[in-house]
Amino acid sequence: GITRVINHPAEPNPNWDATHPDPATSTAPF
């Protein structure tokens, strides 16, 4: 799992909703 993640850096979630914030994603690369 770590190996797969290394090769896929986090990206911003274009559908992230600040009024219903998803803890697992963000407008940032998180």
mmCIF file of all heavy atoms, coordinates in Angstrom:
data_MODEL
# 
_entry.id   MODEL 
# 
loop_
_atom_site.group_PDB 
_atom_site.id 
_atom_site.type_symbol 
_atom_site.label_atom_id 
_atom_site.label_alt_id 
_atom_site.label_comp_id 
_atom_site.label_asym_id 
_atom_site.label_entity_id 
_atom_site.label_seq_id 
_atom_site.pdbx_PDB_ins_code 
_atom_site.Cartn_x 
_atom_site.Cartn_y 
_atom_site.Cartn_z 
_atom_site.occupancy 
_atom_site.B_iso_or_equiv 
_atom_site.pdbx_formal_charge 
_atom_site.auth_seq_id 
_atom_site.auth_comp_id 
_atom_site.auth_asym_id 
_atom_site.auth_atom_id 
_atom_site.pdbx_PDB_model_num 
ATOM 1   N N   . GLY A 1 1  ? 0.814   -1.212 0.000  1.00 0.00 ? 1  GLY A N   1 
ATOM 2   C CA  . GLY A 1 1  ? 0.000   0.000  0.000  1.00 0.00 ? 1  GLY A CA  1 
ATOM 3   C C   . GLY A 1 1  ? 0.846   1.258  0.000  1.00 0.00 ? 1  GLY A C   1 
ATOM 4   O O   . GLY A 1 1  ? 0.565   2.213  -0.746 1.00 0.00 ? 1  GLY A O   1 
ATOM 5   N N   . ILE A 1 2  ? 1.895   1.273  0.806  1.00 0.00 ? 2  ILE A N   1 
ATOM 6   C CA  . ILE A 1 2  ? 2.794   2.438  0.851  1.00 0.00 ? 2  ILE A CA  1 
ATOM 7   C C   . ILE A 1 2  ? 3.405   2.681  -0.520 1.00 0.00 ? 2  ILE A C   1 
ATOM 8   O O   . ILE A 1 2  ? 3.482   3.816  -0.994 1.00 0.00 ? 2  ILE A O   1 
ATOM 9   C CB  . ILE A 1 2  ? 3.906   2.228  1.903  1.00 0.00 ? 2  ILE A CB  1 
ATOM 10  C CG1 . ILE A 1 2  ? 3.316   2.210  3.317  1.00 0.00 ? 2  ILE A CG1 1 
ATOM 11  C CG2 . ILE A 1 2  ? 4.968   3.323  1.790  1.00 0.00 ? 2  ILE A CG2 1 
ATOM 12  C CD1 . ILE A 1 2  ? 4.309   1.792  4.385  1.00 0.00 ? 2  ILE A CD1 1 
ATOM 13  N N   . THR A 1 3  ? 3.858   1.603  -1.156 1.00 0.00 ? 3  THR A N   1 
ATOM 14  C CA  . THR A 1 3  ? 4.496   1.719  -2.472 1.00 0.00 ? 3  THR A CA  1 
ATOM 15  C C   . THR A 1 3  ? 3.549   2.330  -3.493 1.00 0.00 ? 3  THR A C   1 
ATOM 16  O O   . THR A 1 3  ? 3.938   3.195  -4.297 1.00 0.00 ? 3  THR A O   1 
ATOM 17  C CB  . THR A 1 3  ? 4.970   0.335  -2.958 1.00 0.00 ? 3  THR A CB  1 
ATOM 18  O OG1 . THR A 1 3  ? 5.849   -0.230 -1.988 1.00 0.00 ? 3  THR A OG1 1 
ATOM 19  C CG2 . THR A 1 3  ? 5.693   0.438  -4.282 1.00 0.00 ? 3  THR A CG2 1 
ATOM 20  N N   . ARG A 1 4  ? 2.300   1.897  -3.470 1.00 0.00 ? 4  ARG A N   1 
ATOM 21  C CA  . ARG A 1 4  ? 1.312   2.470  -4.401 1.00 0.00 ? 4  ARG A CA  1 
ATOM 22  C C   . ARG A 1 4  ? 1.093   3.955  -4.110 1.00 0.00 ? 4  ARG A C   1 
ATOM 23  O O   . ARG A 1 4  ? 1.004   4.777  -5.040 1.00 0.00 ? 4  ARG A O   1 
ATOM 24  C CB  . ARG A 1 4  ? -0.011  1.712  -4.291 1.00 0.00 ? 4  ARG A CB  1 
ATOM 25  C CG  . ARG A 1 4  ? 0.034   0.298  -4.884 1.00 0.00 ? 4  ARG A CG  1 
ATOM 26  C CD  . ARG A 1 4  ? -1.282  -0.439 -4.639 1.00 0.00 ? 4  ARG A CD  1 
ATOM 27  N NE  . ARG A 1 4  ? -1.212  -1.806 -5.154 1.00 0.00 ? 4  ARG A NE  1 
ATOM 28  C CZ  . ARG A 1 4  ? -1.631  -2.176 -6.364 1.00 0.00 ? 4  ARG A CZ  1 
ATOM 29  N NH1 . ARG A 1 4  ? -2.177  -1.272 -7.168 1.00 0.00 ? 4  ARG A NH1 1 
ATOM 30  N NH2 . ARG A 1 4  ? -1.526  -3.422 -6.768 1.00 0.00 ? 4  ARG A NH2 1 
ATOM 31  N N   . VAL A 1 5  ? 1.020   4.316  -2.838 1.00 0.00 ? 5  VAL A N   1 
ATOM 32  C CA  . VAL A 1 5  ? 0.751   5.699  -2.456 1.00 0.00 ? 5  VAL A CA  1 
ATOM 33  C C   . VAL A 1 5  ? 1.907   6.620  -2.852 1.00 0.00 ? 5  VAL A C   1 
ATOM 34  O O   . VAL A 1 5  ? 1.688   7.748  -3.324 1.00 0.00 ? 5  VAL A O   1 
ATOM 35  C CB  . VAL A 1 5  ? 0.485   5.778  -0.943 1.00 0.00 ? 5  VAL A CB  1 
ATOM 36  C CG1 . VAL A 1 5  ? 0.535   7.222  -0.451 1.00 0.00 ? 5  VAL A CG1 1 
ATOM 37  C CG2 . VAL A 1 5  ? -0.879  5.179  -0.614 1.00 0.00 ? 5  VAL A CG2 1 
ATOM 38  N N   . ILE A 1 6  ? 3.149   6.149  -2.671 1.00 0.00 ? 6  ILE A N   1 
ATOM 39  C CA  . ILE A 1 6  ? 4.319   6.959  -3.010 1.00 0.00 ? 6  ILE A CA  1 
ATOM 40  C C   . ILE A 1 6  ? 4.225   7.479  -4.438 1.00 0.00 ? 6  ILE A C   1 
ATOM 41  O O   . ILE A 1 6  ? 4.551   8.635  -4.721 1.00 0.00 ? 6  ILE A O   1 
ATOM 42  C CB  . ILE A 1 6  ? 5.613   6.128  -2.820 1.00 0.00 ? 6  ILE A CB  1 
ATOM 43  C CG1 . ILE A 1 6  ? 5.944   5.985  -1.331 1.00 0.00 ? 6  ILE A CG1 1 
ATOM 44  C CG2 . ILE A 1 6  ? 6.788   6.769  -3.562 1.00 0.00 ? 6  ILE A CG2 1 
ATOM 45  C CD1 . ILE A 1 6  ? 7.090   5.032  -1.051 1.00 0.00 ? 6  ILE A CD1 1 
ATOM 46  N N   . ASN A 1 7  ? 3.781   6.627  -5.330 1.00 0.00 ? 7  ASN A N   1 
ATOM 47  C CA  . ASN A 1 7  ? 3.747   6.974  -6.754 1.00 0.00 ? 7  ASN A CA  1 
ATOM 48  C C   . ASN A 1 7  ? 2.523   7.792  -7.156 1.00 0.00 ? 7  ASN A C   1 
ATOM 49  O O   . ASN A 1 7  ? 2.371   8.136  -8.334 1.00 0.00 ? 7  ASN A O   1 
ATOM 50  C CB  . ASN A 1 7  ? 3.801   5.692  -7.592 1.00 0.00 ? 7  ASN A CB  1 
ATOM 51  C CG  . ASN A 1 7  ? 5.121   4.961  -7.432 1.00 0.00 ? 7  ASN A CG  1 
ATOM 52  O OD1 . ASN A 1 7  ? 6.172   5.584  -7.314 1.00 0.00 ? 7  ASN A OD1 1 
ATOM 53  N ND2 . ASN A 1 7  ? 5.078   3.635  -7.419 1.00 0.00 ? 7  ASN A ND2 1 
ATOM 54  N N   . HIS A 1 8  ? 1.657   8.089  -6.189 1.00 0.00 ? 8  HIS A N   1 
ATOM 55  C CA  . HIS A 1 8  ? 0.446   8.866  -6.493 1.00 0.00 ? 8  HIS A CA  1 
ATOM 56  C C   . HIS A 1 8  ? 0.277   9.981  -5.453 1.00 0.00 ? 8  HIS A C   1 
ATOM 57  O O   . HIS A 1 8  ? -0.516  9.855  -4.506 1.00 0.00 ? 8  HIS A O   1 
ATOM 58  C CB  . HIS A 1 8  ? -0.795  7.958  -6.506 1.00 0.00 ? 8  HIS A CB  1 
ATOM 59  C CG  . HIS A 1 8  ? -0.796  6.968  -7.626 1.00 0.00 ? 8  HIS A CG  1 
ATOM 60  N ND1 . HIS A 1 8  ? -0.124  5.770  -7.553 1.00 0.00 ? 8  HIS A ND1 1 
ATOM 61  C CD2 . HIS A 1 8  ? -1.381  7.016  -8.861 1.00 0.00 ? 8  HIS A CD2 1 
ATOM 62  C CE1 . HIS A 1 8  ? -0.301  5.111  -8.690 1.00 0.00 ? 8  HIS A CE1 1 
ATOM 63  N NE2 . HIS A 1 8  ? -1.045  5.842  -9.496 1.00 0.00 ? 8  HIS A NE2 1 
ATOM 64  N N   . PRO A 1 9  ? 1.036   11.062 -5.601 1.00 0.00 ? 9  PRO A N   1 
ATOM 65  C CA  . PRO A 1 9  ? 0.918   12.167 -4.639 1.00 0.00 ? 9  PRO A CA  1 
ATOM 66  C C   . PRO A 1 9  ? -0.515  12.678 -4.527 1.00 0.00 ? 9  PRO A C   1 
ATOM 67  O O   . PRO A 1 9  ? -1.265  12.672 -5.502 1.00 0.00 ? 9  PRO A O   1 
ATOM 68  C CB  . PRO A 1 9  ? 1.840   13.245 -5.231 1.00 0.00 ? 9  PRO A CB  1 
ATOM 69  C CG  . PRO A 1 9  ? 2.809   12.495 -6.086 1.00 0.00 ? 9  PRO A CG  1 
ATOM 70  C CD  . PRO A 1 9  ? 2.030   11.338 -6.648 1.00 0.00 ? 9  PRO A CD  1 
ATOM 71  N N   . ALA A 1 10 ? -0.864  13.088 -3.337 1.00 0.00 ? 10 ALA A N   1 
ATOM 72  C CA  . ALA A 1 10 ? -2.202  13.621 -3.099 1.00 0.00 ? 10 ALA A CA  1 
ATOM 73  C C   . ALA A 1 10 ? -2.472  14.825 -3.999 1.00 0.00 ? 10 ALA A C   1 
ATOM 74  O O   . ALA A 1 10 ? -1.571  15.613 -4.291 1.00 0.00 ? 10 ALA A O   1 
ATOM 75  C CB  . ALA A 1 10 ? -2.337  14.012 -1.627 1.00 0.00 ? 10 ALA A CB  1 
ATOM 76  N N   . GLU A 1 11 ? -3.723  14.946 -4.416 1.00 0.00 ? 11 GLU A N   1 
ATOM 77  C CA  . GLU A 1 11 ? -4.144  16.068 -5.240 1.00 0.00 ? 11 GLU A CA  1 
ATOM 78  C C   . GLU A 1 11 ? -5.356  16.752 -4.601 1.00 0.00 ? 11 GLU A C   1 
ATOM 79  O O   . GLU A 1 11 ? -6.098  16.123 -3.838 1.00 0.00 ? 11 GLU A O   1 
ATOM 80  C CB  . GLU A 1 11 ? -4.506  15.587 -6.652 1.00 0.00 ? 11 GLU A CB  1 
ATOM 81  C CG  . GLU A 1 11 ? -3.334  14.982 -7.415 1.00 0.00 ? 11 GLU A CG  1 
ATOM 82  C CD  . GLU A 1 11 ? -3.739  14.505 -8.802 1.00 0.00 ? 11 GLU A CD  1 
ATOM 83  O OE1 . GLU A 1 11 ? -4.967  14.507 -9.080 1.00 0.00 ? 11 GLU A OE1 1 
ATOM 84  O OE2 . GLU A 1 11 ? -2.842  14.155 -9.583 1.00 0.00 ? 11 GLU A OE2 1 
ATOM 85  N N   . PRO A 1 12 ? -5.575  18.020 -4.911 1.00 0.00 ? 12 PRO A N   1 
ATOM 86  C CA  . PRO A 1 12 ? -6.775  18.693 -4.397 1.00 0.00 ? 12 PRO A CA  1 
ATOM 87  C C   . PRO A 1 12 ? -8.041  17.995 -4.883 1.00 0.00 ? 12 PRO A C   1 
ATOM 88  O O   . PRO A 1 12 ? -8.078  17.469 -5.995 1.00 0.00 ? 12 PRO A O   1 
ATOM 89  C CB  . PRO A 1 12 ? -6.660  20.104 -4.980 1.00 0.00 ? 12 PRO A CB  1 
ATOM 90  C CG  . PRO A 1 12 ? -5.214  20.283 -5.302 1.00 0.00 ? 12 PRO A CG  1 
ATOM 91  C CD  . PRO A 1 12 ? -4.712  18.928 -5.691 1.00 0.00 ? 12 PRO A CD  1 
ATOM 92  N N   . ASN A 1 13 ? -9.055  17.996 -4.050 1.00 0.00 ? 13 ASN A N   1 
ATOM 93  C CA  . ASN A 1 13 ? -10.348 17.434 -4.430 1.00 0.00 ? 13 ASN A CA  1 
ATOM 94  C C   . ASN A 1 13 ? -11.193 18.555 -5.045 1.00 0.00 ? 13 ASN A C   1 
ATOM 95  O O   . ASN A 1 13 ? -11.638 19.451 -4.338 1.00 0.00 ? 13 ASN A O   1 
ATOM 96  C CB  . ASN A 1 13 ? -11.042 16.861 -3.194 1.00 0.00 ? 13 ASN A CB  1 
ATOM 97  C CG  . ASN A 1 13 ? -12.431 16.313 -3.486 1.00 0.00 ? 13 ASN A CG  1 
ATOM 98  O OD1 . ASN A 1 13 ? -12.877 16.312 -4.631 1.00 0.00 ? 13 ASN A OD1 1 
ATOM 99  N ND2 . ASN A 1 13 ? -13.120 15.839 -2.452 1.00 0.00 ? 13 ASN A ND2 1 
ATOM 100 N N   . PRO A 1 14 ? -11.450 18.510 -6.359 1.00 0.00 ? 14 PRO A N   1 
ATOM 101 C CA  . PRO A 1 14 ? -12.193 19.607 -7.011 1.00 0.00 ? 14 PRO A CA  1 
ATOM 102 C C   . PRO A 1 14 ? -13.638 19.705 -6.545 1.00 0.00 ? 14 PRO A C   1 
ATOM 103 O O   . PRO A 1 14 ? -14.279 20.746 -6.731 1.00 0.00 ? 14 PRO A O   1 
ATOM 104 C CB  . PRO A 1 14 ? -12.114 19.248 -8.502 1.00 0.00 ? 14 PRO A CB  1 
ATOM 105 C CG  . PRO A 1 14 ? -11.898 17.770 -8.530 1.00 0.00 ? 14 PRO A CG  1 
ATOM 106 C CD  . PRO A 1 14 ? -11.077 17.446 -7.317 1.00 0.00 ? 14 PRO A CD  1 
ATOM 107 N N   . ASN A 1 15 ? -14.143 18.634 -5.920 1.00 0.00 ? 15 ASN A N   1 
ATOM 108 C CA  . ASN A 1 15 ? -15.538 18.625 -5.464 1.00 0.00 ? 15 ASN A CA  1 
ATOM 109 C C   . ASN A 1 15 ? -15.671 18.888 -3.973 1.00 0.00 ? 15 ASN A C   1 
ATOM 110 O O   . ASN A 1 15 ? -16.759 18.729 -3.414 1.00 0.00 ? 15 ASN A O   1 
ATOM 111 C CB  . ASN A 1 15 ? -16.170 17.270 -5.808 1.00 0.00 ? 15 ASN A CB  1 
ATOM 112 C CG  . ASN A 1 15 ? -16.171 16.989 -7.299 1.00 0.00 ? 15 ASN A CG  1 
ATOM 113 O OD1 . ASN A 1 15 ? -16.513 17.863 -8.094 1.00 0.00 ? 15 ASN A OD1 1 
ATOM 114 N ND2 . ASN A 1 15 ? -15.771 15.784 -7.684 1.00 0.00 ? 15 ASN A ND2 1 
ATOM 115 N N   . TRP A 1 16 ? -14.577 19.295 -3.344 1.00 0.00 ? 16 TRP A N   1 
ATOM 116 C CA  . TRP A 1 16 ? -14.620 19.516 -1.891 1.00 0.00 ? 16 TRP A CA  1 
ATOM 117 C C   . TRP A 1 16 ? -15.577 20.648 -1.564 1.00 0.00 ? 16 TRP A C   1 
ATOM 118 O O   . TRP A 1 16 ? -15.572 21.703 -2.216 1.00 0.00 ? 16 TRP A O   1 
ATOM 119 C CB  . TRP A 1 16 ? -13.217 19.840 -1.374 1.00 0.00 ? 16 TRP A CB  1 
ATOM 120 C CG  . TRP A 1 16 ? -13.068 19.673 0.105  1.00 0.00 ? 16 TRP A CG  1 
ATOM 121 C CD1 . TRP A 1 16 ? -12.859 18.514 0.791  1.00 0.00 ? 16 TRP A CD1 1 
ATOM 122 C CD2 . TRP A 1 16 ? -13.103 20.712 1.083  1.00 0.00 ? 16 TRP A CD2 1 
ATOM 123 N NE1 . TRP A 1 16 ? -12.753 18.755 2.145  1.00 0.00 ? 16 TRP A NE1 1 
ATOM 124 C CE2 . TRP A 1 16 ? -12.910 20.102 2.359  1.00 0.00 ? 16 TRP A CE2 1 
ATOM 125 C CE3 . TRP A 1 16 ? -13.278 22.093 1.031  1.00 0.00 ? 16 TRP A CE3 1 
ATOM 126 C CZ2 . TRP A 1 16 ? -12.878 20.829 3.550  1.00 0.00 ? 16 TRP A CZ2 1 
ATOM 127 C CZ3 . TRP A 1 16 ? -13.252 22.813 2.214  1.00 0.00 ? 16 TRP A CZ3 1 
ATOM 128 C CH2 . TRP A 1 16 ? -13.057 22.183 3.455  1.00 0.00 ? 16 TRP A CH2 1 
ATOM 129 N N   . ASP A 1 17 ? -16.410 20.433 -0.560 1.00 0.00 ? 17 ASP A N   1 
ATOM 130 C CA  . ASP A 1 17 ? -17.475 21.378 -0.203 1.00 0.00 ? 17 ASP A CA  1 
ATOM 131 C C   . ASP A 1 17 ? -17.220 21.913 1.201  1.00 0.00 ? 17 ASP A C   1 
ATOM 132 O O   . ASP A 1 17 ? -17.282 21.157 2.175  1.00 0.00 ? 17 ASP A O   1 
ATOM 133 C CB  . ASP A 1 17 ? -18.829 20.656 -0.271 1.00 0.00 ? 17 ASP A CB  1 
ATOM 134 C CG  . ASP A 1 17 ? -20.001 21.568 0.042  1.00 0.00 ? 17 ASP A CG  1 
ATOM 135 O OD1 . ASP A 1 17 ? -19.780 22.749 0.388  1.00 0.00 ? 17 ASP A OD1 1 
ATOM 136 O OD2 . ASP A 1 17 ? -21.148 21.082 -0.029 1.00 0.00 ? 17 ASP A OD2 1 
ATOM 137 N N   . ALA A 1 18 ? -16.930 23.189 1.292  1.00 0.00 ? 18 ALA A N   1 
ATOM 138 C CA  . ALA A 1 18 ? -16.599 23.794 2.584  1.00 0.00 ? 18 ALA A CA  1 
ATOM 139 C C   . ALA A 1 18 ? -17.779 23.810 3.544  1.00 0.00 ? 18 ALA A C   1 
ATOM 140 O O   . ALA A 1 18 ? -17.594 23.930 4.762  1.00 0.00 ? 18 ALA A O   1 
ATOM 141 C CB  . ALA A 1 18 ? -16.077 25.217 2.385  1.00 0.00 ? 18 ALA A CB  1 
ATOM 142 N N   . THR A 1 19 ? -18.994 23.667 3.020  1.00 0.00 ? 19 THR A N   1 
ATOM 143 C CA  . THR A 1 19 ? -20.160 23.635 3.905  1.00 0.00 ? 19 THR A CA  1 
ATOM 144 C C   . THR A 1 19 ? -20.439 22.229 4.432  1.00 0.00 ? 19 THR A C   1 
ATOM 145 O O   . THR A 1 19 ? -21.168 22.058 5.393  1.00 0.00 ? 19 THR A O   1 
ATOM 146 C CB  . THR A 1 19 ? -21.411 24.157 3.164  1.00 0.00 ? 19 THR A CB  1 
ATOM 147 O OG1 . THR A 1 19 ? -21.694 23.319 2.040  1.00 0.00 ? 19 THR A OG1 1 
ATOM 148 C CG2 . THR A 1 19 ? -21.192 25.594 2.706  1.00 0.00 ? 19 THR A CG2 1 
ATOM 149 N N   . HIS A 1 20 ? -19.846 21.225 3.773  1.00 0.00 ? 20 HIS A N   1 
ATOM 150 C CA  . HIS A 1 20 ? -19.922 19.835 4.236  1.00 0.00 ? 20 HIS A CA  1 
ATOM 151 C C   . HIS A 1 20 ? -18.529 19.205 4.068  1.00 0.00 ? 20 HIS A C   1 
ATOM 152 O O   . HIS A 1 20 ? -18.319 18.375 3.189  1.00 0.00 ? 20 HIS A O   1 
ATOM 153 C CB  . HIS A 1 20 ? -20.970 19.038 3.447  1.00 0.00 ? 20 HIS A CB  1 
ATOM 154 C CG  . HIS A 1 20 ? -22.359 19.563 3.595  1.00 0.00 ? 20 HIS A CG  1 
ATOM 155 N ND1 . HIS A 1 20 ? -22.882 20.523 2.750  1.00 0.00 ? 20 HIS A ND1 1 
ATOM 156 C CD2 . HIS A 1 20 ? -23.345 19.270 4.498  1.00 0.00 ? 20 HIS A CD2 1 
ATOM 157 C CE1 . HIS A 1 20 ? -24.120 20.805 3.118  1.00 0.00 ? 20 HIS A CE1 1 
ATOM 158 N NE2 . HIS A 1 20 ? -24.433 20.054 4.177  1.00 0.00 ? 20 HIS A NE2 1 
ATOM 159 N N   . PRO A 1 21 ? -17.579 19.668 4.886  1.00 0.00 ? 21 PRO A N   1 
ATOM 160 C CA  . PRO A 1 21 ? -16.176 19.299 4.662  1.00 0.00 ? 21 PRO A CA  1 
ATOM 161 C C   . PRO A 1 21 ? -15.889 17.817 4.869  1.00 0.00 ? 21 PRO A C   1 
ATOM 162 O O   . PRO A 1 21 ? -16.298 17.221 5.858  1.00 0.00 ? 21 PRO A O   1 
ATOM 163 C CB  . PRO A 1 21 ? -15.422 20.152 5.691  1.00 0.00 ? 21 PRO A CB  1 
ATOM 164 C CG  . PRO A 1 21 ? -16.438 20.475 6.746  1.00 0.00 ? 21 PRO A CG  1 
ATOM 165 C CD  . PRO A 1 21 ? -17.748 20.565 6.050  1.00 0.00 ? 21 PRO A CD  1 
ATOM 166 N N   . ASP A 1 22 ? -15.206 17.247 3.886  1.00 0.00 ? 22 ASP A N   1 
ATOM 167 C CA  . ASP A 1 22 ? -14.790 15.851 3.941  1.00 0.00 ? 22 ASP A CA  1 
ATOM 168 C C   . ASP A 1 22 ? -13.439 15.788 4.647  1.00 0.00 ? 22 ASP A C   1 
ATOM 169 O O   . ASP A 1 22 ? -12.447 16.325 4.142  1.00 0.00 ? 22 ASP A O   1 
ATOM 170 C CB  . ASP A 1 22 ? -14.675 15.312 2.511  1.00 0.00 ? 22 ASP A CB  1 
ATOM 171 C CG  . ASP A 1 22 ? -14.052 13.918 2.447  1.00 0.00 ? 22 ASP A CG  1 
ATOM 172 O OD1 . ASP A 1 22 ? -13.940 13.259 3.496  1.00 0.00 ? 22 ASP A OD1 1 
ATOM 173 O OD2 . ASP A 1 22 ? -13.675 13.493 1.335  1.00 0.00 ? 22 ASP A OD2 1 
ATOM 174 N N   . PRO A 1 23 ? -13.338 15.104 5.812  1.00 0.00 ? 23 PRO A N   1 
ATOM 175 C CA  . PRO A 1 23 ? -12.071 15.076 6.557  1.00 0.00 ? 23 PRO A CA  1 
ATOM 176 C C   . PRO A 1 23 ? -10.920 14.401 5.823  1.00 0.00 ? 23 PRO A C   1 
ATOM 177 O O   . PRO A 1 23 ? -9.759  14.634 6.147  1.00 0.00 ? 23 PRO A O   1 
ATOM 178 C CB  . PRO A 1 23 ? -12.429 14.280 7.819  1.00 0.00 ? 23 PRO A CB  1 
ATOM 179 C CG  . PRO A 1 23 ? -13.910 14.352 7.946  1.00 0.00 ? 23 PRO A CG  1 
ATOM 180 C CD  . PRO A 1 23 ? -14.421 14.418 6.544  1.00 0.00 ? 23 PRO A CD  1 
ATOM 181 N N   . ALA A 1 24 ? -11.221 13.559 4.827  1.00 0.00 ? 24 ALA A N   1 
ATOM 182 C CA  . ALA A 1 24 ? -10.173 12.772 4.165  1.00 0.00 ? 24 ALA A CA  1 
ATOM 183 C C   . ALA A 1 24 ? -9.540  13.476 2.978  1.00 0.00 ? 24 ALA A C   1 
ATOM 184 O O   . ALA A 1 24 ? -8.531  13.003 2.448  1.00 0.00 ? 24 ALA A O   1 
ATOM 185 C CB  . ALA A 1 24 ? -10.740 11.432 3.706  1.00 0.00 ? 24 ALA A CB  1 
ATOM 186 N N   . THR A 1 25 ? -10.129 14.603 2.520  1.00 0.00 ? 25 THR A N   1 
ATOM 187 C CA  . THR A 1 25 ? -9.620  15.321 1.358  1.00 0.00 ? 25 THR A CA  1 
ATOM 188 C C   . THR A 1 25 ? -9.675  16.813 1.634  1.00 0.00 ? 25 THR A C   1 
ATOM 189 O O   . THR A 1 25 ? -10.056 17.242 2.728  1.00 0.00 ? 25 THR A O   1 
ATOM 190 C CB  . THR A 1 25 ? -10.425 14.995 0.089  1.00 0.00 ? 25 THR A CB  1 
ATOM 191 O OG1 . THR A 1 25 ? -11.777 15.459 0.254  1.00 0.00 ? 25 THR A OG1 1 
ATOM 192 C CG2 . THR A 1 25 ? -10.437 13.497 -0.189 1.00 0.00 ? 25 THR A CG2 1 
ATOM 193 N N   . SER A 1 26 ? -9.317  17.608 0.615  1.00 0.00 ? 26 SER A N   1 
ATOM 194 C CA  . SER A 1 26 ? -9.280  19.050 0.817  1.00 0.00 ? 26 SER A CA  1 
ATOM 195 C C   . SER A 1 26 ? -9.182  19.762 -0.522 1.00 0.00 ? 26 SER A C   1 
ATOM 196 O O   . SER A 1 26 ? -8.985  19.137 -1.572 1.00 0.00 ? 26 SER A O   1 
ATOM 197 C CB  . SER A 1 26 ? -8.077  19.416 1.687  1.00 0.00 ? 26 SER A CB  1 
ATOM 198 O OG  . SER A 1 26 ? -7.941  20.821 1.817  1.00 0.00 ? 26 SER A OG  1 
ATOM 199 N N   . THR A 1 27 ? -9.273  21.081 -0.490 1.00 0.00 ? 27 THR A N   1 
ATOM 200 C CA  . THR A 1 27 ? -8.925  21.894 -1.655 1.00 0.00 ? 27 THR A CA  1 
ATOM 201 C C   . THR A 1 27 ? -7.415  21.914 -1.848 1.00 0.00 ? 27 THR A C   1 
ATOM 202 O O   . THR A 1 27 ? -6.920  22.351 -2.885 1.00 0.00 ? 27 THR A O   1 
ATOM 203 C CB  . THR A 1 27 ? -9.425  23.335 -1.469 1.00 0.00 ? 27 THR A CB  1 
ATOM 204 O OG1 . THR A 1 27 ? -8.907  23.848 -0.230 1.00 0.00 ? 27 THR A OG1 1 
ATOM 205 C CG2 . THR A 1 27 ? -10.946 23.390 -1.441 1.00 0.00 ? 27 THR A CG2 1 
ATOM 206 N N   . ALA A 1 28 ? -6.689  21.469 -0.850 1.00 0.00 ? 28 ALA A N   1 
ATOM 207 C CA  . ALA A 1 28 ? -5.225  21.362 -0.907 1.00 0.00 ? 28 ALA A CA  1 
ATOM 208 C C   . ALA A 1 28 ? -4.838  19.935 -1.309 1.00 0.00 ? 28 ALA A C   1 
ATOM 209 O O   . ALA A 1 28 ? -5.670  19.022 -1.268 1.00 0.00 ? 28 ALA A O   1 
ATOM 210 C CB  . ALA A 1 28 ? -4.631  21.702 0.460  1.00 0.00 ? 28 ALA A CB  1 
ATOM 211 N N   . PRO A 1 29 ? -3.574  19.692 -1.690 1.00 0.00 ? 29 PRO A N   1 
ATOM 212 C CA  . PRO A 1 29 ? -3.121  18.336 -2.040 1.00 0.00 ? 29 PRO A CA  1 
ATOM 213 C C   . PRO A 1 29 ? -2.906  17.492 -0.779 1.00 0.00 ? 29 PRO A C   1 
ATOM 214 O O   . PRO A 1 29 ? -1.777  17.260 -0.336 1.00 0.00 ? 29 PRO A O   1 
ATOM 215 C CB  . PRO A 1 29 ? -1.815  18.581 -2.799 1.00 0.00 ? 29 PRO A CB  1 
ATOM 216 C CG  . PRO A 1 29 ? -1.296  19.872 -2.261 1.00 0.00 ? 29 PRO A CG  1 
ATOM 217 C CD  . PRO A 1 29 ? -2.513  20.698 -1.948 1.00 0.00 ? 29 PRO A CD  1 
ATOM 218 N N   . PHE A 1 30 ? -4.013  17.054 -0.219 1.00 0.00 ? 30 PHE A N   1 
ATOM 219 C CA  . PHE A 1 30 ? -4.038  16.387 1.094  1.00 0.00 ? 30 PHE A CA  1 
ATOM 220 C C   . PHE A 1 30 ? -4.974  15.193 1.006  1.00 0.00 ? 30 PHE A C   1 
ATOM 221 O O   . PHE A 1 30 ? -6.070  15.297 0.459  1.00 0.00 ? 30 PHE A O   1 
ATOM 222 C CB  . PHE A 1 30 ? -4.538  17.383 2.143  1.00 0.00 ? 30 PHE A CB  1 
ATOM 223 C CG  . PHE A 1 30 ? -4.949  16.791 3.463  1.00 0.00 ? 30 PHE A CG  1 
ATOM 224 C CD1 . PHE A 1 30 ? -4.022  16.608 4.473  1.00 0.00 ? 30 PHE A CD1 1 
ATOM 225 C CD2 . PHE A 1 30 ? -6.276  16.437 3.701  1.00 0.00 ? 30 PHE A CD2 1 
ATOM 226 C CE1 . PHE A 1 30 ? -4.404  16.082 5.704  1.00 0.00 ? 30 PHE A CE1 1 
ATOM 227 C CE2 . PHE A 1 30 ? -6.661  15.904 4.923  1.00 0.00 ? 30 PHE A CE2 1 
ATOM 228 C CZ  . PHE A 1 30 ? -5.719  15.732 5.922  1.00 0.00 ? 30 PHE A CZ  1 
# 
